Amino acid sequence: MNNFILALVSAVMLVAGTFAAQADMKHTSPMAGDIHIENAWTRATPNGAPAGGAFVTLTNNGKMADRLIGASSDVAKVVEVHEMSMDNGVMKMAHLKDGLVIEPGATVELKPGSFHLMMIGLHKAIAKGDMVKIILEFEHAGQVEMMFPAAQLGAPGMDHANH
């Protein structure tokens, strides 16, 4: 009888440990292949705005370069990978037609005033607190669906501890 109780207790502990591990996994950041994805966010937009930006941090944990080649969302006609830069005091924005390279071991932060996702042809305004679904597409890692919480209009960043 003691062996039966010991086996039963062991089985219960194994199952409990499996559930605990699964619960812990739900709190990890998403991955697309070797690309670790974190700190996804967007901004609220004014009514009638034709476009909005989305931002995220990408880390390549693999041994070969990958490339963010595009994205899509049900809130916009098209989502493009863009870069903002300054040229003789003039801010310029360019669509990165070949995508954004993420070298092995590198972290690339898409943020205001730099690389970002441009949601063009918004179907509706994005309000603070909205969750915007964006599907990121990588050359090697494939696609991953992400939820981007919306910060207030014009926010320079987002406190992810509260989201």
N, C-alpha and C. Protein backbone atom coordinates (compact mmCIF):
# COMPACT_ATOMS: atom_id res chain seq x y z
N MET A 1 0.82 -1.19 0.00
CA MET A 1 0.00 0.00 0.00
C MET A 1 0.86 1.25 0.00
N ASN A 2 1.97 1.25 0.75
CA ASN A 2 2.84 2.42 0.80
C ASN A 2 3.43 2.73 -0.56
N ASN A 3 3.77 1.70 -1.36
CA ASN A 3 4.29 1.93 -2.71
C ASN A 3 3.23 2.58 -3.59
N PHE A 4 1.97 2.15 -3.41
CA PHE A 4 0.88 2.74 -4.19
C PHE A 4 0.73 4.22 -3.86
N ILE A 5 0.76 4.58 -2.59
CA ILE A 5 0.64 5.98 -2.17
C ILE A 5 1.83 6.79 -2.69
N LEU A 6 3.02 6.22 -2.59
CA LEU A 6 4.22 6.90 -3.09
C LEU A 6 4.11 7.14 -4.60
N ALA A 7 3.65 6.14 -5.34
CA ALA A 7 3.48 6.28 -6.79
C ALA A 7 2.42 7.33 -7.11
N LEU A 8 1.33 7.34 -6.34
CA LEU A 8 0.25 8.31 -6.55
C LEU A 8 0.74 9.72 -6.27
N VAL A 9 1.44 9.92 -5.19
CA VAL A 9 1.99 11.24 -4.84
C VAL A 9 2.97 11.68 -5.93
N SER A 10 3.81 10.78 -6.40
CA SER A 10 4.78 11.11 -7.46
C SER A 10 4.06 11.53 -8.73
N ALA A 11 3.00 10.82 -9.10
CA ALA A 11 2.24 11.15 -10.31
C ALA A 11 1.58 12.52 -10.17
N VAL A 12 1.00 12.80 -9.00
CA VAL A 12 0.37 14.10 -8.78
C VAL A 12 1.40 15.22 -8.87
N MET A 13 2.58 15.01 -8.30
CA MET A 13 3.62 16.03 -8.35
C MET A 13 4.11 16.25 -9.79
N LEU A 14 4.22 15.18 -10.56
CA LEU A 14 4.64 15.30 -11.96
C LEU A 14 3.63 16.11 -12.76
N VAL A 15 2.34 15.79 -12.59
CA VAL A 15 1.29 16.53 -13.30
C VAL A 15 1.27 17.99 -12.85
N ALA A 16 1.38 18.24 -11.55
CA ALA A 16 1.39 19.62 -11.04
C ALA A 16 2.58 20.39 -11.60
N GLY A 17 3.74 19.73 -11.67
CA GLY A 17 4.92 20.38 -12.22
C GLY A 17 4.74 20.71 -13.69
N THR A 18 4.09 19.82 -14.44
CA THR A 18 3.82 20.08 -15.86
C THR A 18 2.91 21.29 -16.02
N PHE A 19 1.83 21.36 -15.22
CA PHE A 19 0.93 22.51 -15.29
C PHE A 19 1.65 23.80 -14.90
N ALA A 20 2.51 23.73 -13.89
CA ALA A 20 3.26 24.92 -13.47
C ALA A 20 4.19 25.38 -14.58
N ALA A 21 4.84 24.44 -15.25
CA ALA A 21 5.74 24.81 -16.35
C ALA A 21 4.95 25.43 -17.49
N GLN A 22 3.77 24.86 -17.81
CA GLN A 22 2.95 25.43 -18.87
C GLN A 22 2.46 26.82 -18.50
N ALA A 23 2.06 27.02 -17.25
CA ALA A 23 1.60 28.34 -16.81
C ALA A 23 2.73 29.35 -16.90
N ASP A 24 3.96 28.91 -16.52
CA ASP A 24 5.10 29.81 -16.60
C ASP A 24 5.40 30.18 -18.05
N MET A 25 5.24 29.25 -18.98
CA MET A 25 5.52 29.50 -20.39
C MET A 25 4.59 30.57 -20.96
N LYS A 26 3.38 30.68 -20.44
CA LYS A 26 2.44 31.68 -20.95
C LYS A 26 2.92 33.09 -20.69
N HIS A 27 3.86 33.27 -19.78
CA HIS A 27 4.35 34.60 -19.44
C HIS A 27 5.68 34.92 -20.12
N THR A 28 6.16 34.04 -20.98
CA THR A 28 7.38 34.32 -21.70
C THR A 28 7.05 35.11 -22.96
N SER A 29 8.05 35.79 -23.49
CA SER A 29 7.85 36.57 -24.70
C SER A 29 7.75 35.63 -25.90
N PRO A 30 6.98 36.03 -26.90
CA PRO A 30 6.81 35.19 -28.09
C PRO A 30 8.11 35.03 -28.87
N MET A 31 8.17 33.95 -29.62
CA MET A 31 9.30 33.68 -30.50
C MET A 31 8.75 33.40 -31.90
N ALA A 32 9.54 33.78 -32.90
CA ALA A 32 9.30 33.39 -34.28
C ALA A 32 10.63 32.78 -34.72
N GLY A 33 10.69 31.46 -34.79
CA GLY A 33 11.97 30.81 -35.06
C GLY A 33 12.96 31.20 -33.98
N ASP A 34 14.09 31.79 -34.38
CA ASP A 34 15.11 32.23 -33.42
C ASP A 34 14.93 33.69 -33.00
N ILE A 35 13.88 34.33 -33.46
CA ILE A 35 13.65 35.75 -33.15
C ILE A 35 12.79 35.87 -31.89
N HIS A 36 13.36 36.49 -30.87
CA HIS A 36 12.67 36.77 -29.60
C HIS A 36 11.98 38.13 -29.77
N ILE A 37 10.70 38.17 -29.48
CA ILE A 37 9.89 39.37 -29.71
C ILE A 37 9.38 39.89 -28.38
N GLU A 38 9.60 41.20 -28.12
CA GLU A 38 9.11 41.77 -26.86
C GLU A 38 8.80 43.25 -27.03
N ASN A 39 8.13 43.79 -26.03
CA ASN A 39 7.81 45.21 -25.94
C ASN A 39 7.03 45.74 -27.14
N ALA A 40 6.08 44.95 -27.63
CA ALA A 40 5.23 45.39 -28.74
C ALA A 40 4.24 46.45 -28.23
N TRP A 41 4.09 47.53 -29.01
CA TRP A 41 3.11 48.56 -28.66
C TRP A 41 2.81 49.43 -29.87
N THR A 42 1.73 50.15 -29.79
CA THR A 42 1.35 51.12 -30.82
C THR A 42 0.84 52.36 -30.09
N ARG A 43 0.45 53.35 -30.86
CA ARG A 43 -0.09 54.59 -30.29
C ARG A 43 -1.54 54.77 -30.71
N ALA A 44 -2.28 55.44 -29.85
CA ALA A 44 -3.63 55.88 -30.25
C ALA A 44 -3.48 56.84 -31.42
N THR A 45 -4.49 56.89 -32.27
CA THR A 45 -4.48 57.80 -33.43
C THR A 45 -5.70 58.70 -33.38
N PRO A 46 -5.60 59.90 -33.95
CA PRO A 46 -6.79 60.76 -34.01
C PRO A 46 -7.81 60.20 -34.99
N ASN A 47 -9.08 60.56 -34.82
CA ASN A 47 -10.11 60.16 -35.77
C ASN A 47 -9.73 60.64 -37.16
N GLY A 48 -9.87 59.79 -38.15
CA GLY A 48 -9.57 60.16 -39.52
C GLY A 48 -8.11 60.07 -39.92
N ALA A 49 -7.24 59.68 -38.98
CA ALA A 49 -5.81 59.57 -39.31
C ALA A 49 -5.62 58.50 -40.38
N PRO A 50 -4.82 58.80 -41.40
CA PRO A 50 -4.61 57.81 -42.46
C PRO A 50 -3.62 56.71 -42.10
N ALA A 51 -2.80 56.93 -41.07
CA ALA A 51 -1.75 55.98 -40.73
C ALA A 51 -1.41 56.03 -39.25
N GLY A 52 -0.73 55.00 -38.80
CA GLY A 52 -0.27 54.93 -37.41
C GLY A 52 0.97 54.07 -37.34
N GLY A 53 1.75 54.24 -36.27
CA GLY A 53 2.99 53.50 -36.10
C GLY A 53 2.85 52.39 -35.07
N ALA A 54 3.65 51.36 -35.24
CA ALA A 54 3.73 50.27 -34.26
C ALA A 54 5.20 49.96 -34.02
N PHE A 55 5.50 49.51 -32.80
CA PHE A 55 6.88 49.40 -32.36
C PHE A 55 7.07 48.08 -31.62
N VAL A 56 8.29 47.53 -31.69
CA VAL A 56 8.57 46.23 -31.09
C VAL A 56 10.09 46.04 -31.03
N THR A 57 10.55 45.20 -30.12
CA THR A 57 11.98 44.88 -30.01
C THR A 57 12.18 43.43 -30.47
N LEU A 58 13.16 43.25 -31.37
CA LEU A 58 13.44 41.94 -31.96
C LEU A 58 14.89 41.55 -31.66
N THR A 59 15.09 40.36 -31.11
CA THR A 59 16.43 39.85 -30.82
C THR A 59 16.62 38.53 -31.54
N ASN A 60 17.71 38.43 -32.30
CA ASN A 60 18.00 37.22 -33.04
C ASN A 60 18.91 36.33 -32.19
N ASN A 61 18.35 35.22 -31.68
CA ASN A 61 19.11 34.27 -30.87
C ASN A 61 19.72 33.16 -31.70
N GLY A 62 19.58 33.26 -33.03
CA GLY A 62 20.07 32.20 -33.91
C GLY A 62 21.49 32.42 -34.39
N LYS A 63 21.91 31.57 -35.31
CA LYS A 63 23.26 31.61 -35.85
C LYS A 63 23.32 32.23 -37.24
N MET A 64 22.13 32.57 -37.82
CA MET A 64 22.12 33.23 -39.12
C MET A 64 21.19 34.43 -39.09
N ALA A 65 21.47 35.38 -39.94
CA ALA A 65 20.65 36.59 -40.01
C ALA A 65 19.24 36.23 -40.46
N ASP A 66 18.28 37.00 -40.00
CA ASP A 66 16.90 36.90 -40.48
C ASP A 66 16.49 38.31 -40.86
N ARG A 67 15.32 38.43 -41.40
CA ARG A 67 14.87 39.72 -41.91
C ARG A 67 13.37 39.86 -41.66
N LEU A 68 12.98 40.99 -41.05
CA LEU A 68 11.57 41.33 -40.94
C LEU A 68 11.17 41.87 -42.31
N ILE A 69 10.39 41.09 -43.06
CA ILE A 69 10.09 41.48 -44.45
C ILE A 69 8.73 42.12 -44.62
N GLY A 70 7.89 42.05 -43.60
CA GLY A 70 6.58 42.67 -43.72
C GLY A 70 5.71 42.38 -42.53
N ALA A 71 4.49 42.87 -42.64
CA ALA A 71 3.50 42.68 -41.58
C ALA A 71 2.12 42.93 -42.17
N SER A 72 1.10 42.53 -41.44
CA SER A 72 -0.28 42.80 -41.85
C SER A 72 -1.13 42.95 -40.60
N SER A 73 -2.27 43.63 -40.77
CA SER A 73 -3.18 43.85 -39.65
C SER A 73 -4.57 44.09 -40.19
N ASP A 74 -5.57 43.67 -39.42
CA ASP A 74 -6.94 43.92 -39.85
C ASP A 74 -7.37 45.37 -39.61
N VAL A 75 -6.52 46.20 -38.99
CA VAL A 75 -6.87 47.61 -38.77
C VAL A 75 -6.40 48.52 -39.89
N ALA A 76 -5.60 47.98 -40.84
CA ALA A 76 -5.04 48.83 -41.90
C ALA A 76 -5.02 48.07 -43.23
N LYS A 77 -5.02 48.83 -44.31
CA LYS A 77 -4.93 48.23 -45.64
C LYS A 77 -3.60 47.53 -45.82
N VAL A 78 -2.53 48.16 -45.34
CA VAL A 78 -1.19 47.60 -45.50
C VAL A 78 -0.34 48.01 -44.29
N VAL A 79 0.63 47.16 -43.95
CA VAL A 79 1.60 47.47 -42.90
C VAL A 79 2.99 47.30 -43.52
N GLU A 80 3.79 48.33 -43.45
CA GLU A 80 5.12 48.32 -44.05
C GLU A 80 6.19 48.55 -42.98
N VAL A 81 7.38 48.01 -43.25
CA VAL A 81 8.55 48.25 -42.40
C VAL A 81 9.18 49.55 -42.90
N HIS A 82 9.32 50.53 -42.00
CA HIS A 82 9.83 51.86 -42.36
C HIS A 82 11.05 52.23 -41.52
N GLU A 83 11.76 53.22 -42.02
CA GLU A 83 12.87 53.82 -41.28
C GLU A 83 12.71 55.33 -41.35
N MET A 84 12.89 55.99 -40.21
CA MET A 84 12.94 57.45 -40.18
C MET A 84 14.38 57.86 -39.99
N SER A 85 14.78 58.94 -40.67
CA SER A 85 16.15 59.44 -40.52
C SER A 85 16.14 60.95 -40.74
N MET A 86 17.21 61.58 -40.33
CA MET A 86 17.38 63.02 -40.53
C MET A 86 18.38 63.24 -41.66
N ASP A 87 18.03 64.14 -42.59
CA ASP A 87 18.90 64.47 -43.71
C ASP A 87 18.96 65.99 -43.82
N ASN A 88 20.09 66.57 -43.42
CA ASN A 88 20.25 68.03 -43.42
C ASN A 88 19.11 68.74 -42.67
N GLY A 89 18.77 68.20 -41.49
CA GLY A 89 17.74 68.81 -40.66
C GLY A 89 16.32 68.49 -41.08
N VAL A 90 16.15 67.66 -42.10
CA VAL A 90 14.81 67.29 -42.56
C VAL A 90 14.57 65.82 -42.23
N MET A 91 13.44 65.57 -41.55
CA MET A 91 13.10 64.20 -41.20
C MET A 91 12.54 63.50 -42.43
N LYS A 92 13.09 62.32 -42.74
CA LYS A 92 12.64 61.55 -43.89
C LYS A 92 12.19 60.17 -43.44
N MET A 93 11.16 59.67 -44.11
CA MET A 93 10.66 58.34 -43.83
C MET A 93 10.74 57.53 -45.11
N ALA A 94 11.23 56.30 -45.01
CA ALA A 94 11.37 55.45 -46.18
C ALA A 94 10.87 54.04 -45.89
N HIS A 95 10.16 53.47 -46.86
CA HIS A 95 9.73 52.09 -46.80
C HIS A 95 10.95 51.22 -47.08
N LEU A 96 11.25 50.28 -46.21
CA LEU A 96 12.37 49.36 -46.41
C LEU A 96 11.86 48.18 -47.24
N LYS A 97 11.91 48.32 -48.55
CA LYS A 97 11.34 47.33 -49.47
C LYS A 97 11.96 45.95 -49.29
N ASP A 98 13.24 45.90 -48.91
CA ASP A 98 13.92 44.62 -48.70
C ASP A 98 13.82 44.14 -47.26
N GLY A 99 13.10 44.88 -46.41
CA GLY A 99 12.93 44.49 -45.03
C GLY A 99 14.06 44.99 -44.14
N LEU A 100 14.03 44.54 -42.90
CA LEU A 100 14.98 44.96 -41.88
C LEU A 100 15.76 43.75 -41.40
N VAL A 101 17.07 43.78 -41.59
CA VAL A 101 17.94 42.66 -41.21
C VAL A 101 18.15 42.65 -39.70
N ILE A 102 18.06 41.45 -39.12
CA ILE A 102 18.38 41.25 -37.71
C ILE A 102 19.52 40.23 -37.69
N GLU A 103 20.74 40.72 -37.44
CA GLU A 103 21.93 39.88 -37.47
C GLU A 103 21.94 38.92 -36.27
N PRO A 104 22.66 37.79 -36.38
CA PRO A 104 22.76 36.87 -35.24
C PRO A 104 23.29 37.58 -34.00
N GLY A 105 22.62 37.38 -32.88
CA GLY A 105 23.02 37.99 -31.62
C GLY A 105 22.62 39.45 -31.46
N ALA A 106 22.04 40.05 -32.49
CA ALA A 106 21.69 41.47 -32.46
C ALA A 106 20.26 41.68 -31.95
N THR A 107 20.06 42.85 -31.35
CA THR A 107 18.73 43.30 -30.96
C THR A 107 18.44 44.57 -31.75
N VAL A 108 17.27 44.60 -32.39
CA VAL A 108 16.84 45.76 -33.16
C VAL A 108 15.55 46.27 -32.54
N GLU A 109 15.57 47.53 -32.14
CA GLU A 109 14.39 48.13 -31.52
C GLU A 109 13.68 49.00 -32.54
N LEU A 110 12.44 48.64 -32.85
CA LEU A 110 11.59 49.48 -33.68
C LEU A 110 10.94 50.46 -32.72
N LYS A 111 11.21 51.77 -32.91
CA LYS A 111 10.78 52.78 -31.95
C LYS A 111 10.50 54.09 -32.68
N PRO A 112 9.79 55.01 -32.03
CA PRO A 112 9.52 56.31 -32.67
C PRO A 112 10.82 56.99 -33.09
N GLY A 113 10.81 57.56 -34.29
CA GLY A 113 11.97 58.28 -34.80
C GLY A 113 13.04 57.40 -35.39
N SER A 114 12.76 56.11 -35.57
CA SER A 114 13.75 55.16 -36.06
C SER A 114 13.02 54.14 -36.94
N PHE A 115 13.46 52.88 -36.86
CA PHE A 115 12.72 51.82 -37.53
C PHE A 115 11.36 51.68 -36.87
N HIS A 116 10.32 51.37 -37.65
CA HIS A 116 8.98 51.17 -37.11
C HIS A 116 8.11 50.46 -38.14
N LEU A 117 6.96 50.02 -37.70
CA LEU A 117 5.95 49.49 -38.61
C LEU A 117 4.97 50.61 -38.89
N MET A 118 4.67 50.87 -40.16
CA MET A 118 3.72 51.91 -40.53
C MET A 118 2.44 51.23 -41.01
N MET A 119 1.36 51.45 -40.25
CA MET A 119 0.04 50.94 -40.62
C MET A 119 -0.61 52.01 -41.50
N ILE A 120 -0.80 51.69 -42.78
CA ILE A 120 -1.28 52.66 -43.76
C ILE A 120 -2.71 52.31 -44.17
N GLY A 121 -3.54 53.35 -44.26
CA GLY A 121 -4.94 53.13 -44.63
C GLY A 121 -5.73 52.56 -43.46
N LEU A 122 -5.64 53.23 -42.31
CA LEU A 122 -6.36 52.76 -41.13
C LEU A 122 -7.86 52.70 -41.40
N HIS A 123 -8.49 51.62 -40.97
CA HIS A 123 -9.94 51.45 -41.14
C HIS A 123 -10.72 52.18 -40.07
N LYS A 124 -10.06 52.46 -38.94
CA LYS A 124 -10.69 53.18 -37.82
C LYS A 124 -9.59 53.72 -36.93
N ALA A 125 -9.97 54.67 -36.09
CA ALA A 125 -9.01 55.22 -35.14
C ALA A 125 -8.63 54.15 -34.12
N ILE A 126 -7.41 54.23 -33.62
CA ILE A 126 -6.94 53.36 -32.55
C ILE A 126 -7.02 54.16 -31.26
N ALA A 127 -7.70 53.62 -30.27
CA ALA A 127 -7.88 54.30 -28.99
C ALA A 127 -6.89 53.77 -27.96
N LYS A 128 -6.51 54.63 -27.01
CA LYS A 128 -5.65 54.20 -25.90
C LYS A 128 -6.30 52.98 -25.25
N GLY A 129 -5.49 51.94 -25.02
CA GLY A 129 -5.99 50.72 -24.40
C GLY A 129 -6.43 49.65 -25.39
N ASP A 130 -6.63 50.02 -26.66
CA ASP A 130 -6.97 49.01 -27.67
C ASP A 130 -5.84 48.00 -27.79
N MET A 131 -6.18 46.80 -28.20
CA MET A 131 -5.19 45.77 -28.53
C MET A 131 -5.26 45.57 -30.04
N VAL A 132 -4.17 45.87 -30.73
CA VAL A 132 -4.12 45.79 -32.19
C VAL A 132 -3.36 44.53 -32.58
N LYS A 133 -4.03 43.67 -33.35
CA LYS A 133 -3.39 42.44 -33.83
C LYS A 133 -2.58 42.75 -35.08
N ILE A 134 -1.29 42.41 -35.02
CA ILE A 134 -0.40 42.58 -36.17
C ILE A 134 0.33 41.25 -36.37
N ILE A 135 0.38 40.80 -37.60
CA ILE A 135 1.11 39.58 -37.94
C ILE A 135 2.45 40.00 -38.54
N LEU A 136 3.52 39.65 -37.85
CA LEU A 136 4.88 39.95 -38.32
C LEU A 136 5.32 38.82 -39.24
N GLU A 137 6.03 39.17 -40.32
CA GLU A 137 6.52 38.15 -41.24
C GLU A 137 8.04 38.27 -41.39
N PHE A 138 8.70 37.15 -41.08
CA PHE A 138 10.16 37.08 -41.18
C PHE A 138 10.55 36.19 -42.35
N GLU A 139 11.68 36.51 -42.97
CA GLU A 139 12.15 35.75 -44.13
C GLU A 139 12.35 34.27 -43.80
N HIS A 140 12.98 33.97 -42.67
CA HIS A 140 13.27 32.58 -42.31
C HIS A 140 12.35 32.06 -41.21
N ALA A 141 12.02 32.87 -40.24
CA ALA A 141 11.24 32.43 -39.09
C ALA A 141 9.75 32.32 -39.39
N GLY A 142 9.30 32.89 -40.50
CA GLY A 142 7.89 32.80 -40.85
C GLY A 142 7.05 33.89 -40.18
N GLN A 143 5.80 33.56 -39.94
CA GLN A 143 4.86 34.54 -39.41
C GLN A 143 4.57 34.29 -37.93
N VAL A 144 4.30 35.38 -37.22
CA VAL A 144 3.87 35.29 -35.83
C VAL A 144 2.85 36.39 -35.59
N GLU A 145 1.75 36.02 -34.94
CA GLU A 145 0.69 36.97 -34.60
C GLU A 145 0.97 37.57 -33.23
N MET A 146 0.91 38.89 -33.17
CA MET A 146 1.19 39.61 -31.92
C MET A 146 0.04 40.56 -31.61
N MET A 147 -0.15 40.83 -30.33
CA MET A 147 -1.08 41.86 -29.90
C MET A 147 -0.26 43.06 -29.44
N PHE A 148 -0.57 44.22 -30.01
CA PHE A 148 0.13 45.46 -29.71
C PHE A 148 -0.80 46.36 -28.90
N PRO A 149 -0.54 46.57 -27.60
CA PRO A 149 -1.39 47.47 -26.82
C PRO A 149 -1.15 48.92 -27.25
N ALA A 150 -2.22 49.71 -27.25
CA ALA A 150 -2.13 51.11 -27.68
C ALA A 150 -1.91 52.04 -26.49
N ALA A 151 -0.81 52.81 -26.58
CA ALA A 151 -0.53 53.86 -25.60
C ALA A 151 -1.30 55.11 -26.02
N GLN A 152 -1.20 56.15 -25.23
CA GLN A 152 -1.90 57.40 -25.54
C GLN A 152 -1.35 58.04 -26.81
N LEU A 153 -2.12 58.91 -27.40
CA LEU A 153 -1.74 59.65 -28.59
C LEU A 153 -0.41 60.35 -28.36
N GLY A 154 0.56 60.15 -29.27
CA GLY A 154 1.85 60.82 -29.19
C GLY A 154 2.81 60.28 -28.15
N ALA A 155 2.47 59.15 -27.51
CA ALA A 155 3.34 58.60 -26.47
C ALA A 155 4.73 58.27 -27.02
N PRO A 156 5.80 58.61 -26.28
CA PRO A 156 7.15 58.29 -26.72
C PRO A 156 7.52 56.83 -26.48
N GLY A 157 6.72 56.14 -25.67
CA GLY A 157 7.00 54.76 -25.34
C GLY A 157 5.85 54.18 -24.53
N MET A 158 6.02 52.96 -24.06
CA MET A 158 4.98 52.31 -23.27
C MET A 158 5.61 51.56 -22.10
N ASP A 159 4.97 51.67 -20.95
CA ASP A 159 5.39 50.93 -19.76
C ASP A 159 4.78 49.53 -19.86
N HIS A 160 5.60 48.54 -20.24
CA HIS A 160 5.09 47.20 -20.45
C HIS A 160 4.83 46.45 -19.15
N ALA A 161 5.25 46.98 -18.03
CA ALA A 161 4.98 46.32 -16.75
C ALA A 161 3.48 46.29 -16.47
N ASN A 162 2.73 47.21 -17.04
CA ASN A 162 1.29 47.30 -16.79
C ASN A 162 0.48 46.66 -17.91
N HIS A 163 1.13 45.98 -18.86
CA HIS A 163 0.39 45.38 -19.98
C HIS A 163 0.73 43.93 -20.16
